[in-house]
Amino acid sequence: MENSQFITFQKFNLKEDAVELANFLKESKIEYRIEDVSSGLDGNFGGSELTKDYLIKLQRKILKKPMFFCYSFRLIW
């Protein structure tokens, strides 16, 4: 499926946090994408963990369905 069908659901600074949500989505059989949109700067040029960004993207059609998604309390349909 082409990437234009996926839109940003949540943004993380830590890869571990993005992977945690990705694992939950996988277990829930929800199709997703992880996109690394970190800046190209390394630590020598002002880059840090704060310049790292990871996006979790979900299918546009999933986000338009009437559902409540609560990551903290798992999935509520």
N, C-alpha and C. Protein backbone atom coordinates (compact mmCIF):
# COMPACT_ATOMS: atom_id res chain seq x y z
N MET A 1 0.85 -1.17 0.00
CA MET A 1 0.00 0.00 0.00
C MET A 1 0.90 1.23 0.00
N GLU A 2 0.55 2.22 -0.76
CA GLU A 2 1.41 3.39 -0.85
C GLU A 2 1.33 4.23 0.43
N ASN A 3 2.41 4.94 0.70
CA ASN A 3 2.53 5.70 1.95
C ASN A 3 1.54 6.84 2.08
N SER A 4 0.97 7.35 0.97
CA SER A 4 0.02 8.46 1.08
C SER A 4 -1.27 8.02 1.78
N GLN A 5 -1.47 6.72 1.90
CA GLN A 5 -2.64 6.22 2.60
C GLN A 5 -2.43 6.20 4.12
N PHE A 6 -1.22 6.52 4.55
CA PHE A 6 -0.89 6.53 5.97
C PHE A 6 -0.67 7.96 6.43
N ILE A 7 -1.23 8.28 7.60
CA ILE A 7 -1.05 9.62 8.16
C ILE A 7 -0.51 9.50 9.59
N THR A 8 0.15 10.53 10.04
CA THR A 8 0.79 10.50 11.35
C THR A 8 -0.24 10.36 12.46
N PHE A 9 -0.01 9.39 13.32
CA PHE A 9 -0.86 9.16 14.48
C PHE A 9 -0.19 9.70 15.74
N GLN A 10 1.12 9.40 15.89
CA GLN A 10 1.83 9.86 17.09
C GLN A 10 3.31 10.04 16.76
N LYS A 11 3.95 10.97 17.48
CA LYS A 11 5.36 11.29 17.28
C LYS A 11 6.12 11.00 18.57
N PHE A 12 7.32 10.42 18.43
CA PHE A 12 8.15 10.07 19.58
C PHE A 12 9.56 10.60 19.38
N ASN A 13 10.24 10.93 20.49
CA ASN A 13 11.66 11.30 20.44
C ASN A 13 12.55 10.07 20.65
N LEU A 14 12.03 9.07 21.31
CA LEU A 14 12.80 7.85 21.58
C LEU A 14 12.29 6.70 20.72
N LYS A 15 13.22 6.04 20.06
CA LYS A 15 12.87 4.92 19.20
C LYS A 15 12.18 3.81 20.00
N GLU A 16 12.64 3.59 21.22
CA GLU A 16 12.06 2.54 22.06
C GLU A 16 10.56 2.76 22.29
N ASP A 17 10.16 4.01 22.48
CA ASP A 17 8.74 4.32 22.68
C ASP A 17 7.94 4.05 21.42
N ALA A 18 8.50 4.41 20.28
CA ALA A 18 7.82 4.15 19.00
C ALA A 18 7.68 2.65 18.77
N VAL A 19 8.71 1.90 19.08
CA VAL A 19 8.68 0.45 18.89
C VAL A 19 7.66 -0.19 19.84
N GLU A 20 7.55 0.33 21.05
CA GLU A 20 6.56 -0.19 22.00
C GLU A 20 5.14 -0.06 21.44
N LEU A 21 4.82 1.11 20.90
CA LEU A 21 3.50 1.30 20.30
C LEU A 21 3.35 0.43 19.06
N ALA A 22 4.40 0.33 18.26
CA ALA A 22 4.36 -0.51 17.06
C ALA A 22 4.08 -1.97 17.42
N ASN A 23 4.69 -2.46 18.48
CA ASN A 23 4.43 -3.84 18.93
C ASN A 23 2.98 -4.03 19.33
N PHE A 24 2.44 -3.03 20.03
CA PHE A 24 1.03 -3.10 20.42
C PHE A 24 0.12 -3.12 19.19
N LEU A 25 0.42 -2.27 18.22
CA LEU A 25 -0.39 -2.23 17.00
C LEU A 25 -0.30 -3.55 16.24
N LYS A 26 0.90 -4.12 16.20
CA LYS A 26 1.09 -5.41 15.53
C LYS A 26 0.27 -6.49 16.20
N GLU A 27 0.32 -6.55 17.54
CA GLU A 27 -0.47 -7.53 18.30
C GLU A 27 -1.97 -7.34 18.06
N SER A 28 -2.38 -6.09 17.84
CA SER A 28 -3.78 -5.77 17.62
C SER A 28 -4.18 -5.89 16.15
N LYS A 29 -3.21 -6.32 15.31
CA LYS A 29 -3.44 -6.51 13.88
C LYS A 29 -3.87 -5.22 13.18
N ILE A 30 -3.22 -4.12 13.58
CA ILE A 30 -3.46 -2.83 12.96
C ILE A 30 -2.23 -2.49 12.12
N GLU A 31 -2.45 -2.25 10.84
CA GLU A 31 -1.35 -1.95 9.94
C GLU A 31 -0.80 -0.56 10.25
N TYR A 32 0.52 -0.44 10.27
CA TYR A 32 1.17 0.81 10.65
C TYR A 32 2.49 0.94 9.90
N ARG A 33 3.08 2.10 10.01
CA ARG A 33 4.42 2.38 9.49
C ARG A 33 5.18 3.16 10.57
N ILE A 34 6.48 2.89 10.70
CA ILE A 34 7.34 3.72 11.53
C ILE A 34 8.23 4.49 10.57
N GLU A 35 8.30 5.80 10.78
CA GLU A 35 9.12 6.63 9.92
C GLU A 35 10.11 7.41 10.78
N ASP A 36 11.39 7.29 10.45
CA ASP A 36 12.44 8.03 11.15
C ASP A 36 12.60 9.36 10.43
N VAL A 37 12.21 10.44 11.09
CA VAL A 37 12.32 11.78 10.50
C VAL A 37 13.31 12.63 11.29
N SER A 38 14.31 11.97 11.87
CA SER A 38 15.33 12.65 12.67
C SER A 38 16.13 13.60 11.81
N SER A 39 16.63 14.65 12.45
CA SER A 39 17.50 15.57 11.72
C SER A 39 18.82 14.86 11.43
N GLY A 40 19.53 15.32 10.43
CA GLY A 40 20.79 14.71 10.04
C GLY A 40 21.97 15.16 10.88
N LEU A 41 21.73 16.00 11.89
CA LEU A 41 22.82 16.50 12.72
C LEU A 41 23.30 15.43 13.68
N ASP A 42 24.62 15.34 13.84
CA ASP A 42 25.12 14.46 14.89
C ASP A 42 25.47 15.30 16.12
N GLY A 43 25.89 14.66 17.18
CA GLY A 43 26.17 15.34 18.44
C GLY A 43 27.24 16.41 18.34
N ASN A 44 28.15 16.28 17.39
CA ASN A 44 29.22 17.28 17.23
C ASN A 44 28.71 18.59 16.65
N PHE A 45 27.56 18.57 16.02
CA PHE A 45 27.04 19.76 15.36
C PHE A 45 25.72 20.22 15.96
N GLY A 46 25.51 19.91 17.22
CA GLY A 46 24.31 20.38 17.89
C GLY A 46 23.17 19.37 17.92
N GLY A 47 23.39 18.22 17.35
CA GLY A 47 22.34 17.19 17.38
C GLY A 47 22.30 16.50 18.73
N SER A 48 21.15 16.00 19.10
CA SER A 48 21.00 15.27 20.36
C SER A 48 19.82 14.34 20.23
N GLU A 49 19.51 13.65 21.31
CA GLU A 49 18.31 12.80 21.32
C GLU A 49 17.06 13.61 21.02
N LEU A 50 17.07 14.90 21.38
CA LEU A 50 15.91 15.74 21.16
C LEU A 50 15.69 16.06 19.68
N THR A 51 16.72 15.84 18.85
CA THR A 51 16.55 16.10 17.42
C THR A 51 16.13 14.83 16.69
N LYS A 52 15.92 13.75 17.43
CA LYS A 52 15.45 12.50 16.83
C LYS A 52 13.94 12.47 16.91
N ASP A 53 13.32 12.10 15.82
CA ASP A 53 11.86 12.01 15.77
C ASP A 53 11.46 10.75 15.01
N TYR A 54 10.53 10.03 15.58
CA TYR A 54 9.98 8.83 14.97
C TYR A 54 8.48 8.99 14.91
N LEU A 55 7.92 8.76 13.74
CA LEU A 55 6.47 8.87 13.56
C LEU A 55 5.86 7.50 13.45
N ILE A 56 4.74 7.33 14.11
CA ILE A 56 3.90 6.15 13.90
C ILE A 56 2.78 6.62 13.00
N LYS A 57 2.62 5.94 11.89
CA LYS A 57 1.57 6.30 10.94
C LYS A 57 0.59 5.15 10.81
N LEU A 58 -0.68 5.52 10.76
CA LEU A 58 -1.76 4.55 10.58
C LEU A 58 -2.49 4.85 9.28
N GLN A 59 -3.20 3.86 8.81
CA GLN A 59 -3.98 4.05 7.59
C GLN A 59 -5.04 5.11 7.82
N ARG A 60 -5.18 5.97 6.84
CA ARG A 60 -6.17 7.05 6.91
C ARG A 60 -7.56 6.50 7.22
N LYS A 61 -7.93 5.38 6.60
CA LYS A 61 -9.28 4.83 6.79
C LYS A 61 -9.51 4.35 8.22
N ILE A 62 -8.45 3.88 8.89
CA ILE A 62 -8.58 3.44 10.29
C ILE A 62 -8.90 4.63 11.19
N LEU A 63 -8.22 5.74 10.94
CA LEU A 63 -8.42 6.91 11.79
C LEU A 63 -9.77 7.58 11.57
N LYS A 64 -10.42 7.29 10.46
CA LYS A 64 -11.73 7.88 10.20
C LYS A 64 -12.88 7.04 10.75
N LYS A 65 -12.58 5.80 11.15
CA LYS A 65 -13.63 4.94 11.69
C LYS A 65 -14.06 5.45 13.06
N PRO A 66 -15.33 5.25 13.39
CA PRO A 66 -15.79 5.68 14.74
C PRO A 66 -15.26 4.72 15.80
N MET A 67 -14.16 5.07 16.38
CA MET A 67 -13.58 4.25 17.43
C MET A 67 -12.86 5.16 18.40
N PHE A 68 -12.56 4.63 19.55
CA PHE A 68 -11.78 5.36 20.54
C PHE A 68 -10.48 4.59 20.69
N PHE A 69 -9.38 5.29 20.51
CA PHE A 69 -8.09 4.65 20.65
C PHE A 69 -7.40 5.25 21.86
N CYS A 70 -7.14 4.43 22.82
CA CYS A 70 -6.49 4.92 24.03
C CYS A 70 -5.30 4.03 24.31
N TYR A 71 -4.11 4.48 23.98
CA TYR A 71 -2.91 3.68 24.10
C TYR A 71 -2.64 3.30 25.57
N SER A 72 -2.89 4.21 26.49
CA SER A 72 -2.59 3.93 27.89
C SER A 72 -3.43 2.79 28.45
N PHE A 73 -4.66 2.69 27.98
CA PHE A 73 -5.57 1.68 28.50
C PHE A 73 -5.87 0.60 27.47
N ARG A 74 -5.02 0.51 26.47
CA ARG A 74 -5.13 -0.45 25.37
C ARG A 74 -6.27 -0.05 24.44
N LEU A 75 -6.69 -0.97 23.61
CA LEU A 75 -7.61 -0.64 22.54
C LEU A 75 -9.07 -0.79 22.99
N ILE A 76 -9.84 0.25 22.77
CA ILE A 76 -11.27 0.23 23.12
C ILE A 76 -12.04 0.50 21.85
N TRP A 77 -12.81 -0.45 21.38
CA TRP A 77 -13.59 -0.28 20.13
C TRP A 77 -15.01 0.11 20.46
